[in-house]
Amino acid sequence: MTFNLRIDNATVITMDARRRELRQASIAVNDGKIIAVIPRGGKLPTAGKVIDAQGMVALPGLINCHTHVYQSLIEGIGYDMHFDPWNWRFNFPIASQIGPVDAEVSA
């Protein structure tokens, strides 16, 4: 099978049970999906494009868990302002009054 993309020589951070780091590994990608991770020395499949990722790290996608769900309650208020005046005029005064019930409703 020929893959669309193969990324070679990367340090691959896995999400397997042992959280392995595979040095100088390859990643085979087809149609935007990772099909295989090949440890160093493994048989490399052919690919339409090959990227040399020597000195680079490939890791799973990260999720931004930093949220301000309560701000859904003030959506649109003062959004035409720059951040700092908006923060002092609207965000801080309103956020300081938000209680548990408000937080639940906003979520």
PDB file of N, CA and C in Angstrom:
ATOM      1  N   MET A   1       0.846  -1.181   0.000  1.00  0.00           N
ATOM      2  CA  MET A   1       0.000   0.000   0.000  1.00  0.00           C
ATOM      3  C   MET A   1       0.893   1.246   0.000  1.00  0.00           C
ATOM      4  N   THR A   2       0.517   2.235  -0.779  1.00  0.00           N
ATOM      5  CA  THR A   2       1.223   3.510  -0.801  1.00  0.00           C
ATOM      6  C   THR A   2       0.424   4.518   0.024  1.00  0.00           C
ATOM      7  N   PHE A   3       1.114   5.216   0.927  1.00  0.00           N
ATOM      8  CA  PHE A   3       0.468   6.209   1.775  1.00  0.00           C
ATOM      9  C   PHE A   3       0.625   7.598   1.174  1.00  0.00           C
ATOM     10  N   ASN A   4      -0.245   8.529   1.577  1.00  0.00           N
ATOM     11  CA  ASN A   4      -0.131   9.911   1.117  1.00  0.00           C
ATOM     12  C   ASN A   4       1.117  10.571   1.692  1.00  0.00           C
ATOM     13  N   LEU A   5       1.406  10.254   2.963  1.00  0.00           N
ATOM     14  CA  LEU A   5       2.470  10.954   3.677  1.00  0.00           C
ATOM     15  C   LEU A   5       3.176  10.012   4.637  1.00  0.00           C
ATOM     16  N   ARG A   6       4.495  10.170   4.720  1.00  0.00           N
ATOM     17  CA  ARG A   6       5.268   9.445   5.727  1.00  0.00           C
ATOM     18  C   ARG A   6       6.182  10.464   6.400  1.00  0.00           C
ATOM     19  N   ILE A   7       6.154  10.480   7.696  1.00  0.00           N
ATOM     20  CA  ILE A   7       7.003  11.373   8.479  1.00  0.00           C
ATOM     21  C   ILE A   7       8.082  10.501   9.107  1.00  0.00           C
ATOM     22  N   ASP A   8       9.339  10.766   8.760  1.00  0.00           N
ATOM     23  CA  ASP A   8      10.451   9.932   9.210  1.00  0.00           C
ATOM     24  C   ASP A   8      11.299  10.633  10.265  1.00  0.00           C
ATOM     25  N   ASN A   9      11.980   9.829  11.067  1.00  0.00           N
ATOM     26  CA  ASN A   9      13.003  10.276  12.029  1.00  0.00           C
ATOM     27  C   ASN A   9      12.472  11.132  13.176  1.00  0.00           C
ATOM     28  N   ALA A  10      11.187  11.066  13.458  1.00  0.00           N
ATOM     29  CA  ALA A  10      10.610  11.870  14.540  1.00  0.00           C
ATOM     30  C   ALA A  10      10.735  11.141  15.872  1.00  0.00           C
ATOM     31  N   THR A  11      10.756  11.903  16.942  1.00  0.00           N
ATOM     32  CA  THR A  11      10.548  11.320  18.266  1.00  0.00           C
ATOM     33  C   THR A  11       9.037  11.325  18.460  1.00  0.00           C
ATOM     34  N   VAL A  12       8.440  10.147  18.537  1.00  0.00           N
ATOM     35  CA  VAL A  12       6.988  10.019  18.599  1.00  0.00           C
ATOM     36  C   VAL A  12       6.577   9.747  20.045  1.00  0.00           C
ATOM     37  N   ILE A  13       5.723  10.614  20.575  1.00  0.00           N
ATOM     38  CA  ILE A  13       5.159  10.428  21.913  1.00  0.00           C
ATOM     39  C   ILE A  13       3.847   9.670  21.714  1.00  0.00           C
ATOM     40  N   THR A  14       3.779   8.470  22.252  1.00  0.00           N
ATOM     41  CA  THR A  14       2.591   7.642  22.041  1.00  0.00           C
ATOM     42  C   THR A  14       1.570   7.857  23.152  1.00  0.00           C
ATOM     43  N   MET A  15       0.392   7.368  22.907  1.00  0.00           N
ATOM     44  CA  MET A  15      -0.659   7.372  23.919  1.00  0.00           C
ATOM     45  C   MET A  15      -0.998   5.935  24.311  1.00  0.00           C
ATOM     46  N   ASP A  16      -0.020   5.042  24.141  1.00  0.00           N
ATOM     47  CA  ASP A  16      -0.274   3.662  24.533  1.00  0.00           C
ATOM     48  C   ASP A  16      -0.186   3.530  26.055  1.00  0.00           C
ATOM     49  N   ALA A  17      -0.459   2.360  26.564  1.00  0.00           N
ATOM     50  CA  ALA A  17      -0.512   2.146  28.021  1.00  0.00           C
ATOM     51  C   ALA A  17       0.807   2.468  28.716  1.00  0.00           C
ATOM     52  N   ARG A  18       1.927   2.330  28.012  1.00  0.00           N
ATOM     53  CA  ARG A  18       3.237   2.592  28.625  1.00  0.00           C
ATOM     54  C   ARG A  18       3.764   3.997  28.341  1.00  0.00           C
ATOM     55  N   ARG A  19       2.992   4.786  27.563  1.00  0.00           N
ATOM     56  CA  ARG A  19       3.388   6.157  27.212  1.00  0.00           C
ATOM     57  C   ARG A  19       4.803   6.191  26.632  1.00  0.00           C
ATOM     58  N   ARG A  20       5.056   5.303  25.686  1.00  0.00           N
ATOM     59  CA  ARG A  20       6.392   5.178  25.114  1.00  0.00           C
ATOM     60  C   ARG A  20       6.791   6.398  24.298  1.00  0.00           C
ATOM     61  N   GLU A  21       8.085   6.628  24.255  1.00  0.00           N
ATOM     62  CA  GLU A  21       8.692   7.606  23.353  1.00  0.00           C
ATOM     63  C   GLU A  21       9.505   6.808  22.347  1.00  0.00           C
ATOM     64  N   LEU A  22       9.140   6.898  21.106  1.00  0.00           N
ATOM     65  CA  LEU A  22       9.834   6.164  20.056  1.00  0.00           C
ATOM     66  C   LEU A  22      10.753   7.130  19.319  1.00  0.00           C
ATOM     67  N   ARG A  23      12.043   6.916  19.460  1.00  0.00           N
ATOM     68  CA  ARG A  23      13.018   7.804  18.820  1.00  0.00           C
ATOM     69  C   ARG A  23      13.274   7.362  17.387  1.00  0.00           C
ATOM     70  N   GLN A  24      13.397   8.332  16.507  1.00  0.00           N
ATOM     71  CA  GLN A  24      13.629   8.115  15.077  1.00  0.00           C
ATOM     72  C   GLN A  24      12.595   7.159  14.477  1.00  0.00           C
ATOM     73  N   ALA A  25      11.354   7.356  14.849  1.00  0.00           N
ATOM     74  CA  ALA A  25      10.262   6.535  14.321  1.00  0.00           C
ATOM     75  C   ALA A  25       9.659   7.217  13.102  1.00  0.00           C
ATOM     76  N   SER A  26       8.814   6.473  12.414  1.00  0.00           N
ATOM     77  CA  SER A  26       8.109   7.009  11.246  1.00  0.00           C
ATOM     78  C   SER A  26       6.612   6.912  11.482  1.00  0.00           C
ATOM     79  N   ILE A  27       5.892   7.814  10.847  1.00  0.00           N
ATOM     80  CA  ILE A  27       4.431   7.840  10.940  1.00  0.00           C
ATOM     81  C   ILE A  27       3.889   7.762   9.518  1.00  0.00           C
ATOM     82  N   ALA A  28       3.019   6.798   9.271  1.00  0.00           N
ATOM     83  CA  ALA A  28       2.391   6.653   7.956  1.00  0.00           C
ATOM     84  C   ALA A  28       0.985   7.244   8.031  1.00  0.00           C
ATOM     85  N   VAL A  29       0.692   8.158   7.103  1.00  0.00           N
ATOM     86  CA  VAL A  29      -0.590   8.868   7.095  1.00  0.00           C
ATOM     87  C   VAL A  29      -1.267   8.651   5.752  1.00  0.00           C
ATOM     88  N   ASN A  30      -2.557   8.371   5.791  1.00  0.00           N
ATOM     89  CA  ASN A  30      -3.333   8.239   4.566  1.00  0.00           C
ATOM     90  C   ASN A  30      -4.664   8.946   4.746  1.00  0.00           C
ATOM     91  N   ASP A  31      -4.991   9.822   3.818  1.00  0.00           N
ATOM     92  CA  ASP A  31      -6.243  10.589   3.860  1.00  0.00           C
ATOM     93  C   ASP A  31      -6.429  11.299   5.201  1.00  0.00           C
ATOM     94  N   GLY A  32      -5.347  11.861   5.734  1.00  0.00           N
ATOM     95  CA  GLY A  32      -5.420  12.643   6.959  1.00  0.00           C
ATOM     96  C   GLY A  32      -5.491  11.834   8.239  1.00  0.00           C
ATOM     97  N   LYS A  33      -5.373  10.530   8.159  1.00  0.00           N
ATOM     98  CA  LYS A  33      -5.441   9.676   9.347  1.00  0.00           C
ATOM     99  C   LYS A  33      -4.131   8.923   9.528  1.00  0.00           C
ATOM    100  N   ILE A  34      -3.673   8.840  10.771  1.00  0.00           N
ATOM    101  CA  ILE A  34      -2.480   8.052  11.070  1.00  0.00           C
ATOM    102  C   ILE A  34      -2.861   6.584  10.951  1.00  0.00           C
ATOM    103  N   ILE A  35      -2.151   5.891  10.076  1.00  0.00           N
ATOM    104  CA  ILE A  35      -2.434   4.472   9.837  1.00  0.00           C
ATOM    105  C   ILE A  35      -1.464   3.590  10.616  1.00  0.00           C
ATOM    106  N   ALA A  36      -0.215   4.048  10.743  1.00  0.00           N
ATOM    107  CA  ALA A  36       0.782   3.227  11.427  1.00  0.00           C
ATOM    108  C   ALA A  36       1.895   4.102  11.982  1.00  0.00           C
ATOM    109  N   VAL A  37       2.462   3.649  13.094  1.00  0.00           N
ATOM    110  CA  VAL A  37       3.681   4.221  13.652  1.00  0.00           C
ATOM    111  C   VAL A  37       4.718   3.112  13.582  1.00  0.00           C
ATOM    112  N   ILE A  38       5.812   3.396  12.895  1.00  0.00           N
ATOM    113  CA  ILE A  38       6.831   2.379  12.654  1.00  0.00           C
ATOM    114  C   ILE A  38       8.079   2.708  13.463  1.00  0.00           C
ATOM    115  N   PRO A  39       8.439   1.858  14.428  1.00  0.00           N
ATOM    116  CA  PRO A  39       9.658   2.102  15.211  1.00  0.00           C
ATOM    117  C   PRO A  39      10.896   2.090  14.322  1.00  0.00           C
ATOM    118  N   ARG A  40      11.970   2.702  14.812  1.00  0.00           N
ATOM    119  CA  ARG A  40      13.241   2.723  14.082  1.00  0.00           C
ATOM    120  C   ARG A  40      13.630   1.309  13.671  1.00  0.00           C
ATOM    121  N   GLY A  41      14.035   1.168  12.430  1.00  0.00           N
ATOM    122  CA  GLY A  41      14.449  -0.142  11.931  1.00  0.00           C
ATOM    123  C   GLY A  41      13.326  -0.935  11.298  1.00  0.00           C
ATOM    124  N   GLY A  42      12.091  -0.472  11.431  1.00  0.00           N
ATOM    125  CA  GLY A  42      10.967  -1.185  10.829  1.00  0.00           C
ATOM    126  C   GLY A  42      10.888  -0.948   9.338  1.00  0.00           C
ATOM    127  N   LYS A  43      10.127  -1.794   8.668  1.00  0.00           N
ATOM    128  CA  LYS A  43       9.976  -1.672   7.210  1.00  0.00           C
ATOM    129  C   LYS A  43       9.104  -0.465   6.907  1.00  0.00           C
ATOM    130  N   LEU A  44       9.654   0.465   6.107  1.00  0.00           N
ATOM    131  CA  LEU A  44       8.939   1.694   5.781  1.00  0.00           C
ATOM    132  C   LEU A  44       8.104   1.536   4.520  1.00  0.00           C
ATOM    133  N   PRO A  45       6.820   1.883   4.606  1.00  0.00           N
ATOM    134  CA  PRO A  45       5.979   1.811   3.415  1.00  0.00           C
ATOM    135  C   PRO A  45       6.307   2.962   2.461  1.00  0.00           C
ATOM    136  N   THR A  46       5.949   2.814   1.212  1.00  0.00           N
ATOM    137  CA  THR A  46       6.151   3.906   0.266  1.00  0.00           C
ATOM    138  C   THR A  46       5.096   4.983   0.506  1.00  0.00           C
ATOM    139  N   ALA A  47       5.462   6.216   0.155  1.00  0.00           N
ATOM    140  CA  ALA A  47       4.544   7.331   0.365  1.00  0.00           C
ATOM    141  C   ALA A  47       4.730   8.363  -0.730  1.00  0.00           C
ATOM    142  N   GLY A  48       3.650   9.077  -1.040  1.00  0.00           N
ATOM    143  CA  GLY A  48       3.709  10.121  -2.052  1.00  0.00           C
ATOM    144  C   GLY A  48       4.567  11.293  -1.611  1.00  0.00           C
ATOM    145  N   LYS A  49       4.571  11.584  -0.316  1.00  0.00           N
ATOM    146  CA  LYS A  49       5.376  12.676   0.231  1.00  0.00           C
ATOM    147  C   LYS A  49       6.048  12.175   1.496  1.00  0.00           C
ATOM    148  N   VAL A  50       7.328  12.520   1.653  1.00  0.00           N
ATOM    149  CA  VAL A  50       8.078  12.123   2.849  1.00  0.00           C
ATOM    150  C   VAL A  50       8.653  13.380   3.488  1.00  0.00           C
ATOM    151  N   ILE A  51       8.442  13.514   4.786  1.00  0.00           N
ATOM    152  CA  ILE A  51       8.989  14.637   5.556  1.00  0.00           C
ATOM    153  C   ILE A  51      10.033  14.095   6.515  1.00  0.00           C
ATOM    154  N   ASP A  52      11.206  14.715   6.515  1.00  0.00           N
ATOM    155  CA  ASP A  52      12.245  14.336   7.474  1.00  0.00           C
ATOM    156  C   ASP A  52      12.041  15.176   8.729  1.00  0.00           C
ATOM    157  N   ALA A  53      11.667  14.545   9.817  1.00  0.00           N
ATOM    158  CA  ALA A  53      11.377  15.239  11.073  1.00  0.00           C
ATOM    159  C   ALA A  53      12.508  15.062  12.083  1.00  0.00           C
ATOM    160  N   GLN A  54      13.720  14.911  11.595  1.00  0.00           N
ATOM    161  CA  GLN A  54      14.886  14.774  12.478  1.00  0.00           C
ATOM    162  C   GLN A  54      14.928  15.963  13.450  1.00  0.00           C
ATOM    163  N   GLY A  55      15.066  15.676  14.734  1.00  0.00           N
ATOM    164  CA  GLY A  55      15.134  16.728  15.749  1.00  0.00           C
ATOM    165  C   GLY A  55      13.779  17.282  16.146  1.00  0.00           C
ATOM    166  N   MET A  56      12.695  16.697  15.643  1.00  0.00           N
ATOM    167  CA  MET A  56      11.345  17.172  15.961  1.00  0.00           C
ATOM    168  C   MET A  56      10.583  16.106  16.726  1.00  0.00           C
ATOM    169  N   VAL A  57       9.511  16.547  17.385  1.00  0.00           N
ATOM    170  CA  VAL A  57       8.685  15.652  18.189  1.00  0.00           C
ATOM    171  C   VAL A  57       7.279  15.626  17.610  1.00  0.00           C
ATOM    172  N   ALA A  58       6.714  14.440  17.474  1.00  0.00           N
ATOM    173  CA  ALA A  58       5.321  14.277  17.064  1.00  0.00           C
ATOM    174  C   ALA A  58       4.554  13.791  18.293  1.00  0.00           C
ATOM    175  N   LEU A  59       3.529  14.532  18.669  1.00  0.00           N
ATOM    176  CA  LEU A  59       2.758  14.147  19.834  1.00  0.00           C
ATOM    177  C   LEU A  59       1.280  14.276  19.547  1.00  0.00           C
ATOM    178  N   PRO A  60       0.458  13.628  20.360  1.00  0.00           N
ATOM    179  CA  PRO A  60      -0.989  13.694  20.146  1.00  0.00           C
ATOM    180  C   PRO A  60      -1.478  15.133  20.244  1.00  0.00           C
ATOM    181  N   GLY A  61      -2.602  15.396  19.615  1.00  0.00           N
ATOM    182  CA  GLY A  61      -3.206  16.719  19.679  1.00  0.00           C
ATOM    183  C   GLY A  61      -3.508  17.112  21.113  1.00  0.00           C
ATOM    184  N   LEU A  62      -3.347  18.369  21.407  1.00  0.00           N
ATOM    185  CA  LEU A  62      -3.594  18.865  22.754  1.00  0.00           C
ATOM    186  C   LEU A  62      -4.948  19.563  22.795  1.00  0.00           C
ATOM    187  N   ILE A  63      -5.578  19.520  23.940  1.00  0.00           N
ATOM    188  CA  ILE A  63      -6.877  20.146  24.125  1.00  0.00           C
ATOM    189  C   ILE A  63      -6.717  21.277  25.121  1.00  0.00           C
ATOM    190  N   ASN A  64      -7.209  22.440  24.765  1.00  0.00           N
ATOM    191  CA  ASN A  64      -7.146  23.589  25.652  1.00  0.00           C
ATOM    192  C   ASN A  64      -8.270  23.476  26.674  1.00  0.00           C
ATOM    193  N   CYS A  65      -7.921  23.161  27.904  1.00  0.00           N
ATOM    194  CA  CYS A  65      -8.918  23.019  28.966  1.00  0.00           C
ATOM    195  C   CYS A  65      -9.113  24.320  29.744  1.00  0.00           C
ATOM    196  N   HIS A  66      -8.423  25.371  29.340  1.00  0.00           N
ATOM    197  CA  HIS A  66      -8.574  26.663  29.993  1.00  0.00           C
ATOM    198  C   HIS A  66      -9.807  27.333  29.405  1.00  0.00           C
ATOM    199  N   THR A  67     -10.870  27.384  30.162  1.00  0.00           N
ATOM    200  CA  THR A  67     -12.115  27.950  29.647  1.00  0.00           C
ATOM    201  C   THR A  67     -12.687  28.979  30.602  1.00  0.00           C
ATOM    202  N   HIS A  68     -13.526  29.790  30.065  1.00  0.00           N
ATOM    203  CA  HIS A  68     -14.261  30.785  30.836  1.00  0.00           C
ATOM    204  C   HIS A  68     -15.736  30.614  30.492  1.00  0.00           C
ATOM    205  N   VAL A  69     -16.296  29.487  30.866  1.00  0.00           N
ATOM    206  CA  VAL A  69     -17.673  29.162  30.506  1.00  0.00           C
ATOM    207  C   VAL A  69     -18.634  30.230  31.013  1.00  0.00           C
ATOM    208  N   TYR A  70     -18.347  30.807  32.175  1.00  0.00           N
ATOM    209  CA  TYR A  70     -19.239  31.824  32.738  1.00  0.00           C
ATOM    210  C   TYR A  70     -19.401  33.012  31.796  1.00  0.00           C
ATOM    211  N   GLN A  71     -18.427  33.233  30.913  1.00  0.00           N
ATOM    212  CA  GLN A  71     -18.508  34.392  30.027  1.00  0.00           C
ATOM    213  C   GLN A  71     -19.624  34.256  28.996  1.00  0.00           C
ATOM    214  N   SER A  72     -20.208  33.082  28.870  1.00  0.00           N
ATOM    215  CA  SER A  72     -21.357  32.968  27.970  1.00  0.00           C
ATOM    216  C   SER A  72     -22.506  33.828  28.479  1.00  0.00           C
ATOM    217  N   LEU A  73     -22.515  34.131  29.785  1.00  0.00           N
ATOM    218  CA  LEU A  73     -23.553  34.992  30.351  1.00  0.00           C
ATOM    219  C   LEU A  73     -23.393  36.451  29.937  1.00  0.00           C
ATOM    220  N   ILE A  74     -22.192  36.840  29.551  1.00  0.00           N
ATOM    221  CA  ILE A  74     -21.956  38.236  29.171  1.00  0.00           C
ATOM    222  C   ILE A  74     -21.562  38.342  27.702  1.00  0.00           C
ATOM    223  N   GLU A  75     -21.912  37.330  26.926  1.00  0.00           N
ATOM    224  CA  GLU A  75     -21.579  37.299  25.502  1.00  0.00           C
ATOM    225  C   GLU A  75     -22.057  38.567  24.811  1.00  0.00           C
ATOM    226  N   GLY A  76     -21.132  39.220  24.138  1.00  0.00           N
ATOM    227  CA  GLY A  76     -21.464  40.404  23.355  1.00  0.00           C
ATOM    228  C   GLY A  76     -21.370  41.722  24.094  1.00  0.00           C
ATOM    229  N   ILE A  77     -21.304  41.709  25.410  1.00  0.00           N
ATOM    230  CA  ILE A  77     -21.248  42.958  26.174  1.00  0.00           C
ATOM    231  C   ILE A  77     -19.856  43.562  26.059  1.00  0.00           C
ATOM    232  N   GLY A  78     -19.769  44.730  25.465  1.00  0.00           N
ATOM    233  CA  GLY A  78     -18.503  45.444  25.374  1.00  0.00           C
ATOM    234  C   GLY A  78     -17.472  44.819  24.465  1.00  0.00           C
ATOM    235  N   TYR A  79     -17.887  43.934  23.566  1.00  0.00           N
ATOM    236  CA  TYR A  79     -16.908  43.255  22.719  1.00  0.00           C
ATOM    237  C   TYR A  79     -16.303  44.170  21.659  1.00  0.00           C
ATOM    238  N   ASP A  80     -16.826  45.380  21.527  1.00  0.00           N
ATOM    239  CA  ASP A  80     -16.231  46.332  20.590  1.00  0.00           C
ATOM    240  C   ASP A  80     -15.091  47.116  21.247  1.00  0.00           C
ATOM    241  N   MET A  81     -14.796  46.781  22.508  1.00  0.00           N
ATOM    242  CA  MET A  81     -13.750  47.468  23.265  1.00  0.00           C
ATOM    243  C   MET A  81     -12.453  46.671  23.231  1.00  0.00           C
ATOM    244  N   HIS A  82     -11.350  47.331  23.541  1.00  0.00           N
ATOM    245  CA  HIS A  82     -10.082  46.636  23.727  1.00  0.00           C
ATOM    246  C   HIS A  82     -10.170  45.804  24.998  1.00  0.00           C
ATOM    247  N   PHE A  83      -9.285  44.823  25.115  1.00  0.00           N
ATOM    248  CA  PHE A  83      -9.369  43.854  26.211  1.00  0.00           C
ATOM    249  C   PHE A  83      -9.293  44.487  27.599  1.00  0.00           C
ATOM    250  N   ASP A  84      -8.273  45.329  27.852  1.00  0.00           N
ATOM    251  CA  ASP A  84      -8.086  45.836  29.213  1.00  0.00           C
ATOM    252  C   ASP A  84      -9.255  46.696  29.710  1.00  0.00           C
ATOM    253  N   PRO A  85      -9.748  47.672  28.943  1.00  0.00           N
ATOM    254  CA  PRO A  85     -10.902  48.409  29.463  1.00  0.00           C
ATOM    255  C   PRO A  85     -12.144  47.524  29.603  1.00  0.00           C
ATOM    256  N   TRP A  86     -12.310  46.571  28.688  1.00  0.00           N
ATOM    257  CA  TRP A  86     -13.448  45.653  28.782  1.00  0.00           C
ATOM    258  C   TRP A  86     -13.352  44.817  30.056  1.00  0.00           C
ATOM    259  N   ASN A  87     -12.140  44.352  30.349  1.00  0.00           N
ATOM    260  CA  ASN A  87     -11.919  43.551  31.545  1.00  0.00           C
ATOM    261  C   ASN A  87     -12.335  44.319  32.801  1.00  0.00           C
ATOM    262  N   TRP A  88     -11.891  45.561  32.913  1.00  0.00           N
ATOM    263  CA  TRP A  88     -12.175  46.344  34.118  1.00  0.00           C
ATOM    264  C   TRP A  88     -13.616  46.827  34.180  1.00  0.00           C
ATOM    265  N   ARG A  89     -14.179  47.190  33.028  1.00  0.00           N
ATOM    266  CA  ARG A  89     -15.527  47.764  33.028  1.00  0.00           C
ATOM    267  C   ARG A  89     -16.622  46.713  33.111  1.00  0.00           C
ATOM    268  N   PHE A  90     -16.420  45.565  32.457  1.00  0.00           N
ATOM    269  CA  PHE A  90     -17.479  44.559  32.396  1.00  0.00           C
ATOM    270  C   PHE A  90     -17.112  43.234  33.057  1.00  0.00           C
ATOM    271  N   ASN A  91     -16.000  42.642  32.654  1.00  0.00           N
ATOM    272  CA  ASN A  91     -15.683  41.290  33.091  1.00  0.00           C
ATOM    273  C   ASN A  91     -15.507  41.186  34.604  1.00  0.00           C
ATOM    274  N   PHE A  92     -14.607  41.973  35.171  1.00  0.00           N
ATOM    275  CA  PHE A  92     -14.360  41.858  36.616  1.00  0.00           C
ATOM    276  C   PHE A  92     -15.611  42.130  37.455  1.00  0.00           C
ATOM    277  N   PRO A  93     -16.338  43.219  37.207  1.00  0.00           N
ATOM    278  CA  PRO A  93     -17.526  43.463  38.036  1.00  0.00           C
ATOM    279  C   PRO A  93     -18.588  42.370  37.922  1.00  0.00           C
ATOM    280  N   ILE A  94     -18.792  41.858  36.715  1.00  0.00           N
ATOM    281  CA  ILE A  94     -19.820  40.827  36.546  1.00  0.00           C
ATOM    282  C   ILE A  94     -19.333  39.486  37.085  1.00  0.00           C
ATOM    283  N   ALA A  95     -18.107  39.103  36.739  1.00  0.00           N
ATOM    284  CA  ALA A  95     -17.581  37.804  37.163  1.00  0.00           C
ATOM    285  C   ALA A  95     -17.493  37.697  38.678  1.00  0.00           C
ATOM    286  N   SER A  96     -17.251  38.796  39.350  1.00  0.00           N
ATOM    287  CA  SER A  96     -17.145  38.745  40.815  1.00  0.00           C
ATOM    288  C   SER A  96     -18.490  38.474  41.480  1.00  0.00           C
ATOM    289  N   GLN A  97     -19.567  38.606  40.725  1.00  0.00           N
ATOM    290  CA  GLN A  97     -20.911  38.371  41.273  1.00  0.00           C
ATOM    291  C   GLN A  97     -21.501  37.028  40.863  1.00  0.00           C
ATOM    292  N   ILE A  98     -20.783  36.288  40.039  1.00  0.00           N
ATOM    293  CA  ILE A  98     -21.303  35.005  39.559  1.00  0.00           C
ATOM    294  C   ILE A  98     -21.158  33.948  40.645  1.00  0.00           C
ATOM    295  N   GLY A  99     -22.253  33.297  40.962  1.00  0.00           N
ATOM    296  CA  GLY A  99     -22.270  32.244  41.966  1.00  0.00           C
ATOM    297  C   GLY A  99     -22.412  30.870  41.341  1.00  0.00           C
ATOM    298  N   PRO A 100     -22.520  29.841  42.152  1.00  0.00           N
ATOM    299  CA  PRO A 100     -22.618  28.466  41.643  1.00  0.00           C
ATOM    300  C   PRO A 100     -23.800  28.240  40.698  1.00  0.00           C
ATOM    301  N   VAL A 101     -24.958  28.828  41.001  1.00  0.00           N
ATOM    302  CA  VAL A 101     -26.123  28.635  40.135  1.00  0.00           C
ATOM    303  C   VAL A 101     -25.867  29.288  38.779  1.00  0.00           C
ATOM    304  N   ASP A 102     -25.281  30.505  38.784  1.00  0.00           N
ATOM    305  CA  ASP A 102     -24.958  31.187  37.524  1.00  0.00           C
ATOM    306  C   ASP A 102     -23.965  30.365  36.716  1.00  0.00           C
ATOM    307  N   ALA A 103     -22.958  29.818  37.369  1.00  0.00           N
ATOM    308  CA  ALA A 103     -21.956  29.019  36.672  1.00  0.00           C
ATOM    309  C   ALA A 103     -22.594  27.788  36.034  1.00  0.00           C
ATOM    310  N   GLU A 104     -23.525  27.161  36.747  1.00  0.00           N
ATOM    311  CA  GLU A 104     -24.210  25.990  36.195  1.00  0.00           C
ATOM    312  C   GLU A 104     -25.059  26.363  34.988  1.00  0.00           C
ATOM    313  N   VAL A 105     -25.761  27.482  35.087  1.00  0.00           N
ATOM    314  CA  VAL A 105     -26.597  27.933  33.969  1.00  0.00           C
ATOM    315  C   VAL A 105     -25.736  28.264  32.753  1.00  0.00           C
ATOM    316  N   SER A 106     -24.592  28.919  32.976  1.00  0.00           N
ATOM    317  CA  SER A 106     -23.751  29.313  31.856  1.00  0.00           C
ATOM    318  C   SER A 106     -23.170  28.103  31.147  1.00  0.00           C
ATOM    319  N   ALA A 107     -22.940  27.020  31.891  1.00  0.00           N
ATOM    320  CA  ALA A 107     -22.379  25.806  31.290  1.00  0.00           C
ATOM    321  C   ALA A 107     -23.440  25.088  30.484  1.00  0.00           C
TER     322      ALA A 107
END
